[in-house]
Amino acid sequence: MTEQTTVLDTLTEMIGVSADRNTLTPRDFMFARIAALIAVDAPPLSYLANAEAAEKTGITAKEIEGIMIAVAPVVGTPRVVAAAGKILRALGIAIAVTEAELEEAAGED
């Protein structure tokens, strides 16, 4: 855990604990979580907080598209389109944090 990502790391840990305490498979758990994020119009950082857990279960971009298609009739087109943009912003945030950490590490050498 770094000082720059303390909150995100804490949220990620909370996700892990809730995953450990349920009866779904890890993949099904993350499918449900992604669907819920779309349904509640979650901000980009919520997607980012779940990204590592989703990646560990092997969920692909194609499967996330499938989740979006599955929930679209329930939550509506605008919510699904908004989710796609927020997922892309979360990816951009992840890239920026990684680059900052790499620059910081390079500066320490």
PDB file of N, CA and C in Angstrom:
ATOM      1  N   MET A   1       0.856  -1.180   0.000  1.00  0.00           N
ATOM      2  CA  MET A   1       0.000   0.000   0.000  1.00  0.00           C
ATOM      3  C   MET A   1       0.897   1.236   0.000  1.00  0.00           C
ATOM      4  N   THR A   2       0.665   2.121  -0.927  1.00  0.00           N
ATOM      5  CA  THR A   2       1.440   3.353  -0.982  1.00  0.00           C
ATOM      6  C   THR A   2       0.613   4.486  -0.404  1.00  0.00           C
ATOM      7  N   GLU A   3       1.285   5.555  -0.013  1.00  0.00           N
ATOM      8  CA  GLU A   3       0.568   6.713   0.519  1.00  0.00           C
ATOM      9  C   GLU A   3      -0.372   7.297  -0.526  1.00  0.00           C
ATOM     10  N   GLN A   4       0.004   7.224  -1.806  1.00  0.00           N
ATOM     11  CA  GLN A   4      -0.797   7.809  -2.872  1.00  0.00           C
ATOM     12  C   GLN A   4      -2.103   7.046  -3.101  1.00  0.00           C
ATOM     13  N   THR A   5      -2.134   5.777  -2.776  1.00  0.00           N
ATOM     14  CA  THR A   5      -3.315   4.961  -3.087  1.00  0.00           C
ATOM     15  C   THR A   5      -3.925   4.312  -1.851  1.00  0.00           C
ATOM     16  N   THR A   6      -3.758   4.912  -0.678  1.00  0.00           N
ATOM     17  CA  THR A   6      -4.249   4.317   0.561  1.00  0.00           C
ATOM     18  C   THR A   6      -5.752   4.053   0.519  1.00  0.00           C
ATOM     19  N   VAL A   7      -6.540   5.010   0.085  1.00  0.00           N
ATOM     20  CA  VAL A   7      -7.996   4.830   0.049  1.00  0.00           C
ATOM     21  C   VAL A   7      -8.364   3.735  -0.950  1.00  0.00           C
ATOM     22  N   LEU A   8      -7.790   3.806  -2.146  1.00  0.00           N
ATOM     23  CA  LEU A   8      -8.079   2.799  -3.160  1.00  0.00           C
ATOM     24  C   LEU A   8      -7.670   1.411  -2.681  1.00  0.00           C
ATOM     25  N   ASP A   9      -6.508   1.315  -2.051  1.00  0.00           N
ATOM     26  CA  ASP A   9      -6.053   0.026  -1.529  1.00  0.00           C
ATOM     27  C   ASP A   9      -6.998  -0.498  -0.454  1.00  0.00           C
ATOM     28  N   THR A  10      -7.485   0.373   0.402  1.00  0.00           N
ATOM     29  CA  THR A  10      -8.428  -0.034   1.445  1.00  0.00           C
ATOM     30  C   THR A  10      -9.723  -0.551   0.833  1.00  0.00           C
ATOM     31  N   LEU A  11     -10.237   0.172  -0.150  1.00  0.00           N
ATOM     32  CA  LEU A  11     -11.467  -0.270  -0.821  1.00  0.00           C
ATOM     33  C   LEU A  11     -11.254  -1.612  -1.514  1.00  0.00           C
ATOM     34  N   THR A  12     -10.098  -1.792  -2.127  1.00  0.00           N
ATOM     35  CA  THR A  12      -9.786  -3.055  -2.789  1.00  0.00           C
ATOM     36  C   THR A  12      -9.757  -4.194  -1.776  1.00  0.00           C
ATOM     37  N   GLU A  13      -9.185  -3.940  -0.611  1.00  0.00           N
ATOM     38  CA  GLU A  13      -9.160  -4.950   0.449  1.00  0.00           C
ATOM     39  C   GLU A  13     -10.581  -5.302   0.910  1.00  0.00           C
ATOM     40  N   MET A  14     -11.433  -4.276   1.015  1.00  0.00           N
ATOM     41  CA  MET A  14     -12.831  -4.519   1.413  1.00  0.00           C
ATOM     42  C   MET A  14     -13.532  -5.417   0.395  1.00  0.00           C
ATOM     43  N   ILE A  15     -13.258  -5.194  -0.874  1.00  0.00           N
ATOM     44  CA  ILE A  15     -13.842  -6.029  -1.918  1.00  0.00           C
ATOM     45  C   ILE A  15     -13.391  -7.472  -1.741  1.00  0.00           C
ATOM     46  N   GLY A  16     -12.108  -7.651  -1.450  1.00  0.00           N
ATOM     47  CA  GLY A  16     -11.583  -8.997  -1.238  1.00  0.00           C
ATOM     48  C   GLY A  16     -12.247  -9.698  -0.077  1.00  0.00           C
ATOM     49  N   VAL A  17     -12.456  -8.978   1.012  1.00  0.00           N
ATOM     50  CA  VAL A  17     -13.112  -9.567   2.186  1.00  0.00           C
ATOM     51  C   VAL A  17     -14.542  -9.973   1.853  1.00  0.00           C
ATOM     52  N   SER A  18     -15.277  -9.086   1.160  1.00  0.00           N
ATOM     53  CA  SER A  18     -16.663  -9.431   0.823  1.00  0.00           C
ATOM     54  C   SER A  18     -16.702 -10.605  -0.151  1.00  0.00           C
ATOM     55  N   ALA A  19     -15.724 -10.719  -1.025  1.00  0.00           N
ATOM     56  CA  ALA A  19     -15.655 -11.851  -1.955  1.00  0.00           C
ATOM     57  C   ALA A  19     -15.394 -13.148  -1.199  1.00  0.00           C
ATOM     58  N   ASP A  20     -14.554 -13.074  -0.185  1.00  0.00           N
ATOM     59  CA  ASP A  20     -14.229 -14.270   0.599  1.00  0.00           C
ATOM     60  C   ASP A  20     -15.405 -14.771   1.427  1.00  0.00           C
ATOM     61  N   ARG A  21     -16.352 -13.895   1.714  1.00  0.00           N
ATOM     62  CA  ARG A  21     -17.451 -14.248   2.626  1.00  0.00           C
ATOM     63  C   ARG A  21     -18.771 -14.527   1.918  1.00  0.00           C
ATOM     64  N   ASN A  22     -18.743 -14.825   0.648  1.00  0.00           N
ATOM     65  CA  ASN A  22     -19.993 -15.120  -0.044  1.00  0.00           C
ATOM     66  C   ASN A  22     -19.942 -16.514  -0.637  1.00  0.00           C
ATOM     67  N   THR A  23     -21.075 -16.953  -1.181  1.00  0.00           N
ATOM     68  CA  THR A  23     -21.169 -18.317  -1.690  1.00  0.00           C
ATOM     69  C   THR A  23     -21.026 -18.419  -3.205  1.00  0.00           C
ATOM     70  N   LEU A  24     -20.872 -17.291  -3.894  1.00  0.00           N
ATOM     71  CA  LEU A  24     -20.692 -17.304  -5.346  1.00  0.00           C
ATOM     72  C   LEU A  24     -19.252 -17.646  -5.699  1.00  0.00           C
ATOM     73  N   THR A  25     -19.059 -18.125  -6.908  1.00  0.00           N
ATOM     74  CA  THR A  25     -17.684 -18.288  -7.390  1.00  0.00           C
ATOM     75  C   THR A  25     -17.090 -16.886  -7.536  1.00  0.00           C
ATOM     76  N   PRO A  26     -15.782 -16.754  -7.495  1.00  0.00           N
ATOM     77  CA  PRO A  26     -15.192 -15.423  -7.660  1.00  0.00           C
ATOM     78  C   PRO A  26     -15.624 -14.729  -8.959  1.00  0.00           C
ATOM     79  N   ARG A  27     -15.729 -15.475 -10.062  1.00  0.00           N
ATOM     80  CA  ARG A  27     -16.163 -14.871 -11.329  1.00  0.00           C
ATOM     81  C   ARG A  27     -17.609 -14.388 -11.244  1.00  0.00           C
ATOM     82  N   ASP A  28     -18.482 -15.236 -10.713  1.00  0.00           N
ATOM     83  CA  ASP A  28     -19.888 -14.831 -10.588  1.00  0.00           C
ATOM     84  C   ASP A  28     -20.024 -13.628  -9.664  1.00  0.00           C
ATOM     85  N   PHE A  29     -19.239 -13.612  -8.605  1.00  0.00           N
ATOM     86  CA  PHE A  29     -19.238 -12.478  -7.685  1.00  0.00           C
ATOM     87  C   PHE A  29     -18.881 -11.192  -8.419  1.00  0.00           C
ATOM     88  N   MET A  30     -17.829 -11.237  -9.233  1.00  0.00           N
ATOM     89  CA  MET A  30     -17.405 -10.042  -9.952  1.00  0.00           C
ATOM     90  C   MET A  30     -18.386  -9.669 -11.053  1.00  0.00           C
ATOM     91  N   PHE A  31     -19.023 -10.653 -11.694  1.00  0.00           N
ATOM     92  CA  PHE A  31     -20.077 -10.344 -12.667  1.00  0.00           C
ATOM     93  C   PHE A  31     -21.190  -9.557 -11.978  1.00  0.00           C
ATOM     94  N   ALA A  32     -21.614 -10.030 -10.802  1.00  0.00           N
ATOM     95  CA  ALA A  32     -22.678  -9.346 -10.055  1.00  0.00           C
ATOM     96  C   ALA A  32     -22.233  -7.952  -9.639  1.00  0.00           C
ATOM     97  N   ARG A  33     -20.995  -7.826  -9.201  1.00  0.00           N
ATOM     98  CA  ARG A  33     -20.489  -6.529  -8.756  1.00  0.00           C
ATOM     99  C   ARG A  33     -20.431  -5.540  -9.913  1.00  0.00           C
ATOM    100  N   ILE A  34     -19.958  -5.975 -11.072  1.00  0.00           N
ATOM    101  CA  ILE A  34     -19.898  -5.082 -12.232  1.00  0.00           C
ATOM    102  C   ILE A  34     -21.303  -4.664 -12.650  1.00  0.00           C
ATOM    103  N   ALA A  35     -22.228  -5.609 -12.656  1.00  0.00           N
ATOM    104  CA  ALA A  35     -23.619  -5.272 -12.991  1.00  0.00           C
ATOM    105  C   ALA A  35     -24.177  -4.256 -12.005  1.00  0.00           C
ATOM    106  N   ALA A  36     -23.866  -4.423 -10.732  1.00  0.00           N
ATOM    107  CA  ALA A  36     -24.345  -3.483  -9.714  1.00  0.00           C
ATOM    108  C   ALA A  36     -23.720  -2.102  -9.904  1.00  0.00           C
ATOM    109  N   LEU A  37     -22.442  -2.052 -10.255  1.00  0.00           N
ATOM    110  CA  LEU A  37     -21.788  -0.763 -10.499  1.00  0.00           C
ATOM    111  C   LEU A  37     -22.480  -0.020 -11.636  1.00  0.00           C
ATOM    112  N   ILE A  38     -22.813  -0.743 -12.684  1.00  0.00           N
ATOM    113  CA  ILE A  38     -23.527  -0.133 -13.808  1.00  0.00           C
ATOM    114  C   ILE A  38     -24.884   0.362 -13.338  1.00  0.00           C
ATOM    115  N   ALA A  39     -25.590  -0.458 -12.582  1.00  0.00           N
ATOM    116  CA  ALA A  39     -26.952  -0.130 -12.142  1.00  0.00           C
ATOM    117  C   ALA A  39     -27.008   1.110 -11.258  1.00  0.00           C
ATOM    118  N   VAL A  40     -25.987   1.298 -10.424  1.00  0.00           N
ATOM    119  CA  VAL A  40     -26.007   2.449  -9.508  1.00  0.00           C
ATOM    120  C   VAL A  40     -25.292   3.666 -10.071  1.00  0.00           C
ATOM    121  N   ASP A  41     -24.856   3.581 -11.331  1.00  0.00           N
ATOM    122  CA  ASP A  41     -24.159   4.688 -11.984  1.00  0.00           C
ATOM    123  C   ASP A  41     -22.897   5.073 -11.204  1.00  0.00           C
ATOM    124  N   ALA A  42     -22.098   4.049 -10.905  1.00  0.00           N
ATOM    125  CA  ALA A  42     -20.897   4.234 -10.099  1.00  0.00           C
ATOM    126  C   ALA A  42     -19.872   5.129 -10.796  1.00  0.00           C
ATOM    127  N   PRO A  43     -19.090   5.865 -10.021  1.00  0.00           N
ATOM    128  CA  PRO A  43     -18.041   6.710 -10.588  1.00  0.00           C
ATOM    129  C   PRO A  43     -16.844   5.867 -11.044  1.00  0.00           C
ATOM    130  N   PRO A  44     -15.965   6.452 -11.857  1.00  0.00           N
ATOM    131  CA  PRO A  44     -14.816   5.702 -12.363  1.00  0.00           C
ATOM    132  C   PRO A  44     -13.976   5.022 -11.275  1.00  0.00           C
ATOM    133  N   LEU A  45     -13.783   5.684 -10.144  1.00  0.00           N
ATOM    134  CA  LEU A  45     -12.943   5.077  -9.103  1.00  0.00           C
ATOM    135  C   LEU A  45     -13.558   3.817  -8.521  1.00  0.00           C
ATOM    136  N   SER A  46     -14.874   3.682  -8.577  1.00  0.00           N
ATOM    137  CA  SER A  46     -15.499   2.436  -8.126  1.00  0.00           C
ATOM    138  C   SER A  46     -15.129   1.284  -9.056  1.00  0.00           C
ATOM    139  N   TYR A  47     -15.103   1.562 -10.347  1.00  0.00           N
ATOM    140  CA  TYR A  47     -14.660   0.535 -11.293  1.00  0.00           C
ATOM    141  C   TYR A  47     -13.195   0.209 -11.062  1.00  0.00           C
ATOM    142  N   LEU A  48     -12.396   1.237 -10.808  1.00  0.00           N
ATOM    143  CA  LEU A  48     -10.975   1.031 -10.560  1.00  0.00           C
ATOM    144  C   LEU A  48     -10.758   0.183  -9.306  1.00  0.00           C
ATOM    145  N   ALA A  49     -11.550   0.431  -8.277  1.00  0.00           N
ATOM    146  CA  ALA A  49     -11.413  -0.327  -7.033  1.00  0.00           C
ATOM    147  C   ALA A  49     -11.729  -1.808  -7.236  1.00  0.00           C
ATOM    148  N   ASN A  50     -12.511  -2.131  -8.246  1.00  0.00           N
ATOM    149  CA  ASN A  50     -12.884  -3.520  -8.519  1.00  0.00           C
ATOM    150  C   ASN A  50     -12.053  -4.148  -9.623  1.00  0.00           C
ATOM    151  N   ALA A  51     -11.219  -3.367 -10.278  1.00  0.00           N
ATOM    152  CA  ALA A  51     -10.482  -3.853 -11.446  1.00  0.00           C
ATOM    153  C   ALA A  51      -9.537  -5.010 -11.130  1.00  0.00           C
ATOM    154  N   GLU A  52      -8.803  -4.897 -10.047  1.00  0.00           N
ATOM    155  CA  GLU A  52      -7.836  -5.946  -9.720  1.00  0.00           C
ATOM    156  C   GLU A  52      -8.545  -7.273  -9.450  1.00  0.00           C
ATOM    157  N   ALA A  53      -9.625  -7.218  -8.685  1.00  0.00           N
ATOM    158  CA  ALA A  53     -10.369  -8.445  -8.383  1.00  0.00           C
ATOM    159  C   ALA A  53     -10.964  -9.050  -9.651  1.00  0.00           C
ATOM    160  N   ALA A  54     -11.488  -8.198 -10.534  1.00  0.00           N
ATOM    161  CA  ALA A  54     -12.046  -8.692 -11.794  1.00  0.00           C
ATOM    162  C   ALA A  54     -10.955  -9.326 -12.651  1.00  0.00           C
ATOM    163  N   GLU A  55      -9.802  -8.680 -12.683  1.00  0.00           N
ATOM    164  CA  GLU A  55      -8.684  -9.210 -13.466  1.00  0.00           C
ATOM    165  C   GLU A  55      -8.239 -10.575 -12.939  1.00  0.00           C
ATOM    166  N   LYS A  56      -8.196 -10.712 -11.625  1.00  0.00           N
ATOM    167  CA  LYS A  56      -7.765 -11.975 -11.026  1.00  0.00           C
ATOM    168  C   LYS A  56      -8.705 -13.126 -11.373  1.00  0.00           C
ATOM    169  N   THR A  57      -9.976 -12.813 -11.608  1.00  0.00           N
ATOM    170  CA  THR A  57     -10.923 -13.871 -11.969  1.00  0.00           C
ATOM    171  C   THR A  57     -10.897 -14.177 -13.454  1.00  0.00           C
ATOM    172  N   GLY A  58     -10.142 -13.389 -14.217  1.00  0.00           N
ATOM    173  CA  GLY A  58     -10.026 -13.636 -15.643  1.00  0.00           C
ATOM    174  C   GLY A  58     -11.145 -13.050 -16.479  1.00  0.00           C
ATOM    175  N   ILE A  59     -11.921 -12.145 -15.902  1.00  0.00           N
ATOM    176  CA  ILE A  59     -12.999 -11.515 -16.666  1.00  0.00           C
ATOM    177  C   ILE A  59     -12.387 -10.695 -17.795  1.00  0.00           C
ATOM    178  N   THR A  60     -12.930 -10.878 -18.986  1.00  0.00           N
ATOM    179  CA  THR A  60     -12.396 -10.204 -20.170  1.00  0.00           C
ATOM    180  C   THR A  60     -13.241  -8.983 -20.521  1.00  0.00           C
ATOM    181  N   ALA A  61     -12.688  -8.153 -21.385  1.00  0.00           N
ATOM    182  CA  ALA A  61     -13.428  -6.981 -21.881  1.00  0.00           C
ATOM    183  C   ALA A  61     -14.699  -7.441 -22.595  1.00  0.00           C
ATOM    184  N   LYS A  62     -14.624  -8.547 -23.308  1.00  0.00           N
ATOM    185  CA  LYS A  62     -15.785  -9.089 -24.021  1.00  0.00           C
ATOM    186  C   LYS A  62     -16.879  -9.492 -23.029  1.00  0.00           C
ATOM    187  N   GLU A  63     -16.488 -10.055 -21.900  1.00  0.00           N
ATOM    188  CA  GLU A  63     -17.474 -10.428 -20.886  1.00  0.00           C
ATOM    189  C   GLU A  63     -18.095  -9.193 -20.231  1.00  0.00           C
ATOM    190  N   ILE A  64     -17.305  -8.152 -20.046  1.00  0.00           N
ATOM    191  CA  ILE A  64     -17.864  -6.906 -19.503  1.00  0.00           C
ATOM    192  C   ILE A  64     -18.881  -6.335 -20.483  1.00  0.00           C
ATOM    193  N   GLU A  65     -18.585  -6.416 -21.781  1.00  0.00           N
ATOM    194  CA  GLU A  65     -19.574  -6.014 -22.789  1.00  0.00           C
ATOM    195  C   GLU A  65     -20.849  -6.838 -22.639  1.00  0.00           C
ATOM    196  N   GLY A  66     -20.679  -8.127 -22.400  1.00  0.00           N
ATOM    197  CA  GLY A  66     -21.835  -9.005 -22.194  1.00  0.00           C
ATOM    198  C   GLY A  66     -22.666  -8.599 -20.989  1.00  0.00           C
ATOM    199  N   ILE A  67     -21.996  -8.211 -19.918  1.00  0.00           N
ATOM    200  CA  ILE A  67     -22.702  -7.730 -18.726  1.00  0.00           C
ATOM    201  C   ILE A  67     -23.493  -6.477 -19.071  1.00  0.00           C
ATOM    202  N   MET A  68     -22.865  -5.574 -19.817  1.00  0.00           N
ATOM    203  CA  MET A  68     -23.551  -4.334 -20.215  1.00  0.00           C
ATOM    204  C   MET A  68     -24.798  -4.639 -21.054  1.00  0.00           C
ATOM    205  N   ILE A  69     -24.671  -5.578 -21.975  1.00  0.00           N
ATOM    206  CA  ILE A  69     -25.820  -5.959 -22.800  1.00  0.00           C
ATOM    207  C   ILE A  69     -26.909  -6.579 -21.933  1.00  0.00           C
ATOM    208  N   ALA A  70     -26.517  -7.401 -20.969  1.00  0.00           N
ATOM    209  CA  ALA A  70     -27.492  -8.067 -20.098  1.00  0.00           C
ATOM    210  C   ALA A  70     -28.275  -7.084 -19.244  1.00  0.00           C
ATOM    211  N   VAL A  71     -27.616  -6.044 -18.740  1.00  0.00           N
ATOM    212  CA  VAL A  71     -28.309  -5.118 -17.842  1.00  0.00           C
ATOM    213  C   VAL A  71     -28.993  -3.963 -18.570  1.00  0.00           C
ATOM    214  N   ALA A  72     -28.656  -3.752 -19.835  1.00  0.00           N
ATOM    215  CA  ALA A  72     -29.208  -2.605 -20.582  1.00  0.00           C
ATOM    216  C   ALA A  72     -30.734  -2.537 -20.555  1.00  0.00           C
ATOM    217  N   PRO A  73     -31.452  -3.648 -20.761  1.00  0.00           N
ATOM    218  CA  PRO A  73     -32.917  -3.537 -20.733  1.00  0.00           C
ATOM    219  C   PRO A  73     -33.471  -3.135 -19.361  1.00  0.00           C
ATOM    220  N   VAL A  74     -32.711  -3.391 -18.317  1.00  0.00           N
ATOM    221  CA  VAL A  74     -33.170  -3.076 -16.962  1.00  0.00           C
ATOM    222  C   VAL A  74     -32.782  -1.654 -16.556  1.00  0.00           C
ATOM    223  N   VAL A  75     -31.534  -1.283 -16.807  1.00  0.00           N
ATOM    224  CA  VAL A  75     -31.038   0.022 -16.341  1.00  0.00           C
ATOM    225  C   VAL A  75     -31.118   1.111 -17.391  1.00  0.00           C
ATOM    226  N   GLY A  76     -31.216   0.742 -18.657  1.00  0.00           N
ATOM    227  CA  GLY A  76     -31.353   1.720 -19.724  1.00  0.00           C
ATOM    228  C   GLY A  76     -30.059   2.014 -20.455  1.00  0.00           C
ATOM    229  N   THR A  77     -30.233   2.435 -21.684  1.00  0.00           N
ATOM    230  CA  THR A  77     -29.097   2.747 -22.554  1.00  0.00           C
ATOM    231  C   THR A  77     -28.195   3.832 -21.976  1.00  0.00           C
ATOM    232  N   PRO A  78     -28.745   4.956 -21.479  1.00  0.00           N
ATOM    233  CA  PRO A  78     -27.854   6.010 -20.967  1.00  0.00           C
ATOM    234  C   PRO A  78     -26.939   5.529 -19.839  1.00  0.00           C
ATOM    235  N   ARG A  79     -27.457   4.698 -18.986  1.00  0.00           N
ATOM    236  CA  ARG A  79     -26.641   4.201 -17.870  1.00  0.00           C
ATOM    237  C   ARG A  79     -25.521   3.303 -18.378  1.00  0.00           C
ATOM    238  N   VAL A  80     -25.793   2.478 -19.365  1.00  0.00           N
ATOM    239  CA  VAL A  80     -24.779   1.575 -19.912  1.00  0.00           C
ATOM    240  C   VAL A  80     -23.713   2.374 -20.668  1.00  0.00           C
ATOM    241  N   VAL A  81     -24.129   3.356 -21.440  1.00  0.00           N
ATOM    242  CA  VAL A  81     -23.172   4.204 -22.155  1.00  0.00           C
ATOM    243  C   VAL A  81     -22.307   4.973 -21.156  1.00  0.00           C
ATOM    244  N   ALA A  82     -22.925   5.474 -20.108  1.00  0.00           N
ATOM    245  CA  ALA A  82     -22.163   6.181 -19.068  1.00  0.00           C
ATOM    246  C   ALA A  82     -21.149   5.241 -18.417  1.00  0.00           C
ATOM    247  N   ALA A  83     -21.554   4.013 -18.169  1.00  0.00           N
ATOM    248  CA  ALA A  83     -20.648   3.035 -17.554  1.00  0.00           C
ATOM    249  C   ALA A  83     -19.438   2.790 -18.446  1.00  0.00           C
ATOM    250  N   ALA A  84     -19.650   2.689 -19.744  1.00  0.00           N
ATOM    251  CA  ALA A  84     -18.535   2.464 -20.665  1.00  0.00           C
ATOM    252  C   ALA A  84     -17.521   3.605 -20.559  1.00  0.00           C
ATOM    253  N   GLY A  85     -18.002   4.831 -20.530  1.00  0.00           N
ATOM    254  CA  GLY A  85     -17.105   5.976 -20.397  1.00  0.00           C
ATOM    255  C   GLY A  85     -16.381   5.982 -19.066  1.00  0.00           C
ATOM    256  N   LYS A  86     -17.075   5.606 -18.014  1.00  0.00           N
ATOM    257  CA  LYS A  86     -16.456   5.598 -16.688  1.00  0.00           C
ATOM    258  C   LYS A  86     -15.410   4.499 -16.568  1.00  0.00           C
ATOM    259  N   ILE A  87     -15.662   3.369 -17.221  1.00  0.00           N
ATOM    260  CA  ILE A  87     -14.666   2.298 -17.222  1.00  0.00           C
ATOM    261  C   ILE A  87     -13.407   2.764 -17.954  1.00  0.00           C
ATOM    262  N   LEU A  88     -13.582   3.464 -19.060  1.00  0.00           N
ATOM    263  CA  LEU A  88     -12.424   4.003 -19.785  1.00  0.00           C
ATOM    264  C   LEU A  88     -11.672   5.033 -18.951  1.00  0.00           C
ATOM    265  N   ARG A  89     -12.402   5.883 -18.223  1.00  0.00           N
ATOM    266  CA  ARG A  89     -11.735   6.866 -17.346  1.00  0.00           C
ATOM    267  C   ARG A  89     -10.981   6.153 -16.232  1.00  0.00           C
ATOM    268  N   ALA A  90     -11.561   5.082 -15.697  1.00  0.00           N
ATOM    269  CA  ALA A  90     -10.877   4.317 -14.650  1.00  0.00           C
ATOM    270  C   ALA A  90      -9.580   3.730 -15.188  1.00  0.00           C
ATOM    271  N   LEU A  91      -9.604   3.252 -16.412  1.00  0.00           N
ATOM    272  CA  LEU A  91      -8.392   2.728 -17.036  1.00  0.00           C
ATOM    273  C   LEU A  91      -7.346   3.835 -17.162  1.00  0.00           C
ATOM    274  N   GLY A  92      -7.769   5.023 -17.559  1.00  0.00           N
ATOM    275  CA  GLY A  92      -6.854   6.156 -17.657  1.00  0.00           C
ATOM    276  C   GLY A  92      -6.253   6.517 -16.309  1.00  0.00           C
ATOM    277  N   ILE A  93      -7.057   6.465 -15.263  1.00  0.00           N
ATOM    278  CA  ILE A  93      -6.558   6.748 -13.910  1.00  0.00           C
ATOM    279  C   ILE A  93      -5.528   5.704 -13.516  1.00  0.00           C
ATOM    280  N   ALA A  94      -5.815   4.440 -13.793  1.00  0.00           N
ATOM    281  CA  ALA A  94      -4.882   3.361 -13.452  1.00  0.00           C
ATOM    282  C   ALA A  94      -3.548   3.548 -14.169  1.00  0.00           C
ATOM    283  N   ILE A  95      -3.604   3.936 -15.423  1.00  0.00           N
ATOM    284  CA  ILE A  95      -2.381   4.165 -16.189  1.00  0.00           C
ATOM    285  C   ILE A  95      -1.600   5.332 -15.591  1.00  0.00           C
ATOM    286  N   ALA A  96      -2.284   6.410 -15.247  1.00  0.00           N
ATOM    287  CA  ALA A  96      -1.618   7.586 -14.670  1.00  0.00           C
ATOM    288  C   ALA A  96      -0.965   7.257 -13.333  1.00  0.00           C
ATOM    289  N   VAL A  97      -1.646   6.491 -12.488  1.00  0.00           N
ATOM    290  CA  VAL A  97      -1.081   6.116 -11.185  1.00  0.00           C
ATOM    291  C   VAL A  97       0.153   5.242 -11.386  1.00  0.00           C
ATOM    292  N   THR A  98       0.060   4.297 -12.303  1.00  0.00           N
ATOM    293  CA  THR A  98       1.200   3.419 -12.578  1.00  0.00           C
ATOM    294  C   THR A  98       2.396   4.212 -13.095  1.00  0.00           C
ATOM    295  N   GLU A  99       2.138   5.136 -14.006  1.00  0.00           N
ATOM    296  CA  GLU A  99       3.226   5.968 -14.536  1.00  0.00           C
ATOM    297  C   GLU A  99       3.856   6.814 -13.440  1.00  0.00           C
ATOM    298  N   ALA A 100       3.043   7.368 -12.558  1.00  0.00           N
ATOM    299  CA  ALA A 100       3.574   8.178 -11.458  1.00  0.00           C
ATOM    300  C   ALA A 100       4.436   7.331 -10.527  1.00  0.00           C
ATOM    301  N   GLU A 101       3.984   6.120 -10.243  1.00  0.00           N
ATOM    302  CA  GLU A 101       4.758   5.230  -9.377  1.00  0.00           C
ATOM    303  C   GLU A 101       6.085   4.842 -10.033  1.00  0.00           C
ATOM    304  N   LEU A 102       6.046   4.594 -11.349  1.00  0.00           N
ATOM    305  CA  LEU A 102       7.278   4.254 -12.065  1.00  0.00           C
ATOM    306  C   LEU A 102       8.255   5.425 -12.068  1.00  0.00           C
ATOM    307  N   GLU A 103       7.743   6.636 -12.282  1.00  0.00           N
ATOM    308  CA  GLU A 103       8.590   7.827 -12.260  1.00  0.00           C
ATOM    309  C   GLU A 103       9.193   8.039 -10.878  1.00  0.00           C
ATOM    310  N   GLU A 104       8.371   7.818  -9.859  1.00  0.00           N
ATOM    311  CA  GLU A 104       8.864   7.979  -8.480  1.00  0.00           C
ATOM    312  C   GLU A 104       9.952   6.957  -8.192  1.00  0.00           C
ATOM    313  N   ALA A 105       9.733   5.719  -8.615  1.00  0.00           N
ATOM    314  CA  ALA A 105      10.724   4.674  -8.396  1.00  0.00           C
ATOM    315  C   ALA A 105      12.000   4.965  -9.162  1.00  0.00           C
ATOM    316  N   ALA A 106      11.886   5.492 -10.364  1.00  0.00           N
ATOM    317  CA  ALA A 106      13.062   5.831 -11.163  1.00  0.00           C
ATOM    318  C   ALA A 106      13.850   6.965 -10.516  1.00  0.00           C
ATOM    319  N   GLY A 107      13.146   7.891  -9.877  1.00  0.00           N
ATOM    320  CA  GLY A 107      13.791   9.012  -9.214  1.00  0.00           C
ATOM    321  C   GLY A 107      14.535   8.605  -7.953  1.00  0.00           C
ATOM    322  N   GLU A 108      14.142   7.482  -7.365  1.00  0.00           N
ATOM    323  CA  GLU A 108      14.792   6.989  -6.146  1.00  0.00           C
ATOM    324  C   GLU A 108      16.072   6.246  -6.429  1.00  0.00           C
ATOM    325  N   ASP A 109      16.266   5.847  -7.676  1.00  0.00           N
ATOM    326  CA  ASP A 109      17.480   5.085  -8.035  1.00  0.00           C
ATOM    327  C   ASP A 109      18.689   5.946  -8.148  1.00  0.00           C
TER     328      ASP A 109
END
